[in-house]
Protein backbone atom coordinates (compact mmCIF):
# COMPACT_ATOMS: atom_id res chain seq x y z
CA MET A 1 -16.36 12.74 -1.50
CA GLY A 2 -15.61 13.97 1.96
CA ALA A 3 -17.37 11.86 4.59
CA HIS A 4 -14.89 10.26 6.94
CA LEU A 5 -15.20 6.67 8.04
CA ARG A 6 -16.80 6.18 11.44
CA ARG A 7 -14.64 4.31 13.88
CA LEU A 8 -14.40 0.59 13.40
CA GLY A 9 -14.41 -1.78 16.34
CA CYS A 10 -11.43 -3.94 17.07
CA VAL A 11 -11.29 -7.35 18.62
CA ALA A 12 -9.12 -10.39 18.08
CA ALA A 13 -11.28 -13.49 18.17
CA LEU A 14 -9.66 -16.81 18.89
CA VAL A 15 -11.75 -19.59 17.40
CA TRP A 16 -9.46 -22.55 17.80
CA LEU A 17 -6.18 -23.00 19.58
CA ALA A 18 -3.62 -25.44 18.24
CA PHE A 19 -0.25 -26.58 19.49
CA GLY A 20 2.87 -27.25 17.52
CA VAL A 21 6.66 -27.30 17.68
CA GLY A 22 7.98 -24.56 19.94
CA GLY A 23 4.85 -24.11 22.02
CA ARG A 24 1.50 -22.45 21.52
CA ALA A 25 0.57 -21.48 17.97
CA GLU A 26 -2.21 -18.97 17.37
CA ALA A 27 -4.30 -20.91 14.85
CA GLU A 28 -7.43 -19.35 13.36
CA VAL A 29 -7.10 -15.91 14.94
CA MET A 30 -9.23 -13.44 12.97
CA LEU A 31 -7.63 -10.02 13.33
CA GLN A 32 -9.85 -6.97 13.07
CA THR A 33 -9.32 -3.36 12.01
CA ALA A 34 -8.16 -1.09 14.81
CA ALA A 35 -10.49 1.73 15.82
CA GLY A 36 -9.81 5.00 14.04
CA LEU A 37 -8.51 3.49 10.80
CA ASN A 38 -10.33 4.29 7.55
CA PRO A 39 -10.69 2.31 4.31
CA GLY A 40 -7.44 2.61 2.38
CA ASP A 41 -5.32 3.23 5.48
CA THR A 42 -2.24 1.04 5.92
CA PHE A 43 -1.06 -0.48 9.21
CA ARG A 44 0.71 -3.47 10.76
CA PHE A 45 0.18 -5.92 13.61
CA VAL A 46 2.87 -6.98 16.10
CA PHE A 47 2.85 -9.79 18.66
CA VAL A 48 4.94 -11.90 21.01
CA THR A 49 5.14 -15.60 20.26
CA GLY A 50 3.68 -18.00 22.79
CA GLY A 51 6.32 -20.56 21.89
CA ILE A 52 10.06 -20.41 22.57
CA ARG A 53 13.25 -21.43 20.77
CA ASP A 54 17.02 -20.95 20.92
CA ALA A 55 19.03 -18.28 19.10
CA THR A 56 21.88 -20.42 17.76
CA SER A 57 21.04 -19.95 14.06
CA ALA A 58 22.56 -17.09 12.06
CA ASN A 59 19.92 -17.52 9.32
CA ILE A 60 17.11 -14.95 9.58
CA ALA A 61 14.81 -17.27 7.62
CA ASP A 62 14.79 -19.68 10.58
CA TYR A 63 13.33 -17.01 12.86
CA ASP A 64 10.82 -15.87 10.24
CA SER A 65 9.68 -19.47 9.86
CA PHE A 66 9.29 -19.82 13.63
CA VAL A 67 7.22 -16.62 13.89
CA LYS A 68 5.00 -17.66 10.98
CA GLY A 69 4.47 -21.06 12.54
CA GLN A 70 3.50 -19.40 15.82
CA ALA A 71 1.02 -17.12 14.03
CA GLY A 72 -0.58 -20.15 12.41
CA ALA A 73 -3.45 -19.32 10.08
CA ALA A 74 -4.17 -15.89 11.54
CA THR A 75 -6.16 -13.85 9.03
CA TYR A 76 -7.12 -10.25 8.34
CA ASN A 77 -9.99 -9.53 5.99
CA GLY A 78 -10.19 -13.24 5.20
CA ILE A 79 -6.55 -13.51 4.05
CA VAL A 80 -3.76 -15.29 5.92
CA VAL A 81 -1.30 -12.69 7.19
CA ASP A 82 2.43 -12.88 6.42
CA TRP A 83 4.87 -12.33 9.30
CA LEU A 84 8.51 -11.43 9.89
CA ALA A 85 10.66 -11.78 12.97
CA ILE A 86 11.84 -8.51 14.50
CA SER A 87 15.37 -9.83 14.67
CA SER A 88 18.93 -9.18 13.52
CA THR A 89 21.64 -11.63 12.51
CA VAL A 90 25.25 -10.93 11.57
CA SER A 91 24.14 -10.33 7.95
CA VAL A 92 20.65 -8.80 8.40
CA ASP A 93 19.60 -5.81 10.50
CA ALA A 94 16.07 -5.81 11.91
CA ILE A 95 15.35 -2.24 10.76
CA ASP A 96 15.94 -3.36 7.17
CA HIS A 97 14.38 -6.78 7.59
CA VAL A 98 10.98 -5.56 8.76
CA GLY A 99 11.07 -2.59 6.39
CA GLN A 100 10.69 1.10 7.10
CA ALA A 101 7.10 2.21 6.59
CA THR A 102 4.92 5.03 7.88
CA ALA A 103 2.10 2.60 8.69
CA PRO A 104 1.19 2.52 12.41
CA VAL A 105 1.70 -0.69 14.38
CA TYR A 106 -0.97 -2.27 16.60
CA LEU A 107 -1.29 -5.16 19.02
CA SER A 108 -3.86 -7.82 18.19
CA ASP A 109 -6.44 -6.11 20.41
CA GLY A 110 -6.12 -2.83 18.50
CA THR A 111 -3.81 -1.03 20.96
CA LEU A 112 -1.40 1.34 19.22
CA VAL A 113 2.27 0.49 19.81
CA THR A 114 3.97 3.03 17.55
CA THR A 115 3.15 5.25 14.61
CA ALA A 116 5.60 3.77 12.09
CA THR A 117 8.51 1.36 11.57
CA ILE A 118 10.98 4.16 10.86
CA PRO A 119 13.70 5.52 13.19
CA VAL A 120 11.27 7.96 14.84
CA GLY A 121 8.68 5.20 15.31
CA LEU A 122 9.50 1.58 16.14
CA TRP A 123 13.18 2.42 16.63
CA SER A 124 12.71 5.65 18.58
CA GLY A 125 12.98 4.12 22.05
CA ALA A 126 9.63 5.68 22.93
CA HIS A 127 6.71 3.37 22.18
CA VAL A 128 3.14 4.30 22.99
CA HIS A 129 2.58 0.85 24.51
CA GLU A 130 4.53 -2.31 25.28
CA ILE A 131 4.59 -5.21 22.82
CA ASN A 132 3.19 -7.60 25.39
CA LEU A 133 0.38 -9.64 23.80
CA ASP A 134 0.28 -12.78 21.71
CA LEU A 135 -2.06 -12.90 18.71
CA ALA A 136 -4.93 -14.10 20.87
CA ALA A 137 -4.47 -10.98 23.04
CA ASN A 138 -3.05 -12.97 25.97
CA PRO A 139 -0.44 -11.06 28.05
CA VAL A 140 3.14 -12.27 27.64
CA HIS A 141 5.65 -10.92 30.16
CA THR A 142 9.05 -12.29 29.26
CA LEU A 143 12.41 -11.69 27.61
CA VAL A 144 12.45 -12.00 23.83
CA TRP A 145 15.20 -12.88 21.37
CA THR A 146 15.95 -9.88 19.14
CA GLY A 147 19.71 -9.80 18.46
CA THR A 148 19.07 -6.10 17.96
CA ASN A 149 20.11 -2.81 19.55
CA PRO A 150 17.69 0.12 20.05
CA VAL A 151 18.40 1.64 16.61
CA GLY A 152 17.53 -1.59 14.81
CA THR A 153 20.89 -3.12 13.94
CA GLY A 154 22.63 -6.29 15.09
CA PHE A 155 25.74 -4.54 16.39
CA GLY A 156 26.38 -5.69 19.96
CA GLY A 157 25.01 -9.23 19.80
CA PRO A 158 23.08 -10.53 16.77
CA LEU A 159 21.18 -13.81 16.75
CA GLY A 160 23.58 -16.65 16.02
CA SER A 161 26.33 -15.19 18.20
CA GLY A 162 27.29 -16.62 21.58
CA THR A 163 25.24 -14.18 23.64
CA PRO A 164 22.63 -12.40 21.50
CA GLN A 165 20.66 -9.39 22.70
CA VAL A 166 17.23 -9.84 24.25
CA GLY A 167 14.34 -7.42 24.68
CA SER A 168 11.69 -7.07 27.36
CA THR A 169 7.94 -7.15 26.71
CA THR A 170 7.35 -4.96 29.76
CA ASP A 171 9.24 -1.92 28.42
CA THR A 172 8.41 0.92 26.03
CA ASP A 173 11.88 2.48 25.87
CA GLY A 174 14.89 0.99 24.09
CA SER A 175 14.78 -2.00 26.44
CA TRP A 176 11.84 -3.39 24.47
CA VAL A 177 14.45 -4.65 22.02
CA SER A 178 17.71 -4.45 23.97
CA SER A 179 17.55 -5.07 27.72
CA GLY A 180 20.54 -7.39 28.01
CA ARG A 181 22.14 -10.52 26.56
CA SER A 182 21.58 -14.22 27.02
CA ASN A 183 23.28 -17.47 26.07
CA SER A 184 22.19 -18.45 22.57
CA GLY A 185 21.13 -21.89 23.74
CA ASP A 186 18.48 -20.46 26.07
CA LEU A 187 14.86 -20.81 25.03
CA ARG A 188 12.94 -17.57 24.54
CA ALA A 189 10.03 -16.04 22.62
CA LEU A 190 10.33 -13.73 19.60
CA TYR A 191 8.51 -10.68 18.30
CA GLY A 192 6.60 -11.04 15.04
CA ILE A 193 5.39 -8.19 12.83
CA SER A 194 2.99 -8.42 9.93
CA SER A 195 3.47 -7.19 6.41
CA VAL A 196 1.87 -3.81 5.70
CA LEU A 197 -1.91 -4.33 5.55
CA THR A 198 -4.61 -2.13 4.01
CA VAL A 199 -8.03 -1.48 5.49
CA PRO A 200 -10.61 -2.70 2.93
CA GLN A 201 -13.64 -0.81 1.79
CA THR A 202 -16.70 -1.52 3.91
CA ALA A 203 -18.37 -4.70 2.69
CA GLY A 204 -21.67 -4.09 0.95
CA ALA A 205 -21.16 -0.35 0.59
CA LEU A 206 -24.06 1.39 -1.15
CA PRO A 207 -23.36 3.38 -4.33
CA PRO A 208 -23.49 7.18 -4.15
CA MET A 209 -26.72 8.97 -5.04
CA ILE A 210 -26.32 11.53 -7.82
CA ALA A 211 -28.92 14.16 -8.66
CA LYS A 212 -28.65 16.97 -11.22
CA SER A 213 -30.64 20.13 -11.72
CA PHE A 214 -30.65 23.18 -14.03
CA ALA A 215 -31.00 26.68 -12.59
CA ASP A 216 -33.54 27.42 -15.34
CA LEU A 217 -36.29 24.85 -15.73
CA GLN A 218 -37.63 25.95 -19.14
CA LEU A 219 -34.69 25.11 -21.34
CA GLU A 220 -36.97 25.00 -24.41
CA LEU A 221 -37.19 28.81 -24.22
CA PHE A 222 -33.42 29.23 -24.49
CA GLY A 223 -31.85 30.65 -27.62
CA PRO A 224 -28.30 30.66 -29.01
CA GLY A 225 -25.86 32.22 -26.53
CA ASP A 226 -28.11 31.86 -23.50
CA THR A 227 -26.52 30.25 -20.45
CA THR A 228 -27.73 28.38 -17.40
CA GLU A 229 -26.15 26.61 -14.47
CA LEU A 230 -26.10 22.84 -14.16
CA SER A 231 -25.56 21.42 -10.66
CA PHE A 232 -24.79 17.88 -9.53
CA LYS A 233 -25.41 16.77 -5.95
CA ILE A 234 -23.56 13.63 -4.89
CA THR A 235 -24.64 12.03 -1.62
CA ASN A 236 -22.85 9.19 0.16
CA PRO A 237 -25.51 7.03 1.92
CA ASN A 238 -22.86 5.13 3.89
CA SER A 239 -21.36 5.95 7.26
CA SER A 240 -17.86 5.46 5.79
CA ALA A 241 -16.08 7.28 3.01
CA LEU A 242 -16.30 6.17 -0.62
CA THR A 243 -13.27 6.49 -2.87
CA GLY A 244 -12.85 6.47 -6.62
CA VAL A 245 -16.29 8.00 -7.26
CA ALA A 246 -16.75 9.10 -10.89
CA PHE A 247 -19.65 9.55 -13.29
CA ILE A 248 -20.46 10.56 -16.87
CA ASP A 249 -23.50 12.66 -17.79
CA THR A 250 -24.67 13.56 -21.30
CA LEU A 251 -26.03 17.07 -21.84
CA PRO A 252 -29.46 17.52 -23.43
CA SER A 253 -29.46 17.99 -27.20
CA GLY A 254 -28.34 21.48 -28.22
CA LEU A 255 -26.43 22.29 -25.04
CA ILE A 256 -22.67 22.59 -24.80
CA VAL A 257 -20.32 23.51 -21.96
CA ALA A 258 -19.76 27.27 -21.87
CA ASN A 259 -16.34 28.79 -22.41
CA PRO A 260 -15.05 29.71 -19.90
CA LYS A 261 -16.51 26.74 -18.05
CA GLY A 262 -17.07 28.41 -14.68
CA VAL A 263 -16.86 25.07 -12.88
CA THR A 264 -17.09 25.29 -9.08
CA GLY A 265 -17.53 22.74 -6.34
CA SER A 266 -18.01 22.30 -2.63
CA TRP A 267 -18.72 19.49 -0.21
CA VAL A 268 -20.09 19.04 3.26
CA GLU A 269 -18.46 16.53 5.59
CA GLY A 270 -20.81 14.06 7.20
CA PRO A 271 -20.56 12.51 10.67
């Protein structure tokens, strides 16, 4: 099947807003698929926390817990999203902590930030857009705890040290993650990044329509050794692609597949 998915709209809808320890938490944000992604595509979300905390802990789990608490019950496709802090400690480098994946990274409003979380993507020092929104798509212009240098490691000031590195939400170069250092007792936001998500198949997709036809209509006149051509036409009635399409068809009594088979195929891409 060859029809490509039409572009999906993207909007982050904030239904309720709750408050908790550390400042604003983005409760009940329903994240939507970014435009241009197709069913089966993988991607990630990234955001800046609305709340703030210190950077005195050397335990990466403390920062993950803070980011998750800030994300609240944010969901994608009806499932609560898991989050990690884009942070380094003396024992954990951010590039390893968030994982290297070729999935593109988007803000909550569907804006592309970078094409991947590999060295030539998130850690390239050349983002497509700043990481400057919280999960409710509110602008956040501030310095952020990262403990991380531009290549994704904690060398130079990890979280838990006396003066960890901070990043800037107004930059797209290496300063997004390393724009200076700050006393660990200061209170600042963090970056959070989702696990790798997969765009689901369109809900309520219609099954494909399959029609078959023989080149010769009067099969009853055929004798041993005669051949004809059997064609199948498969039509996708949806505006988005279908995957995993398969079917089984039984030949009429007395017919077998010729040898050689002479199987050919073609497809026409829809809008």
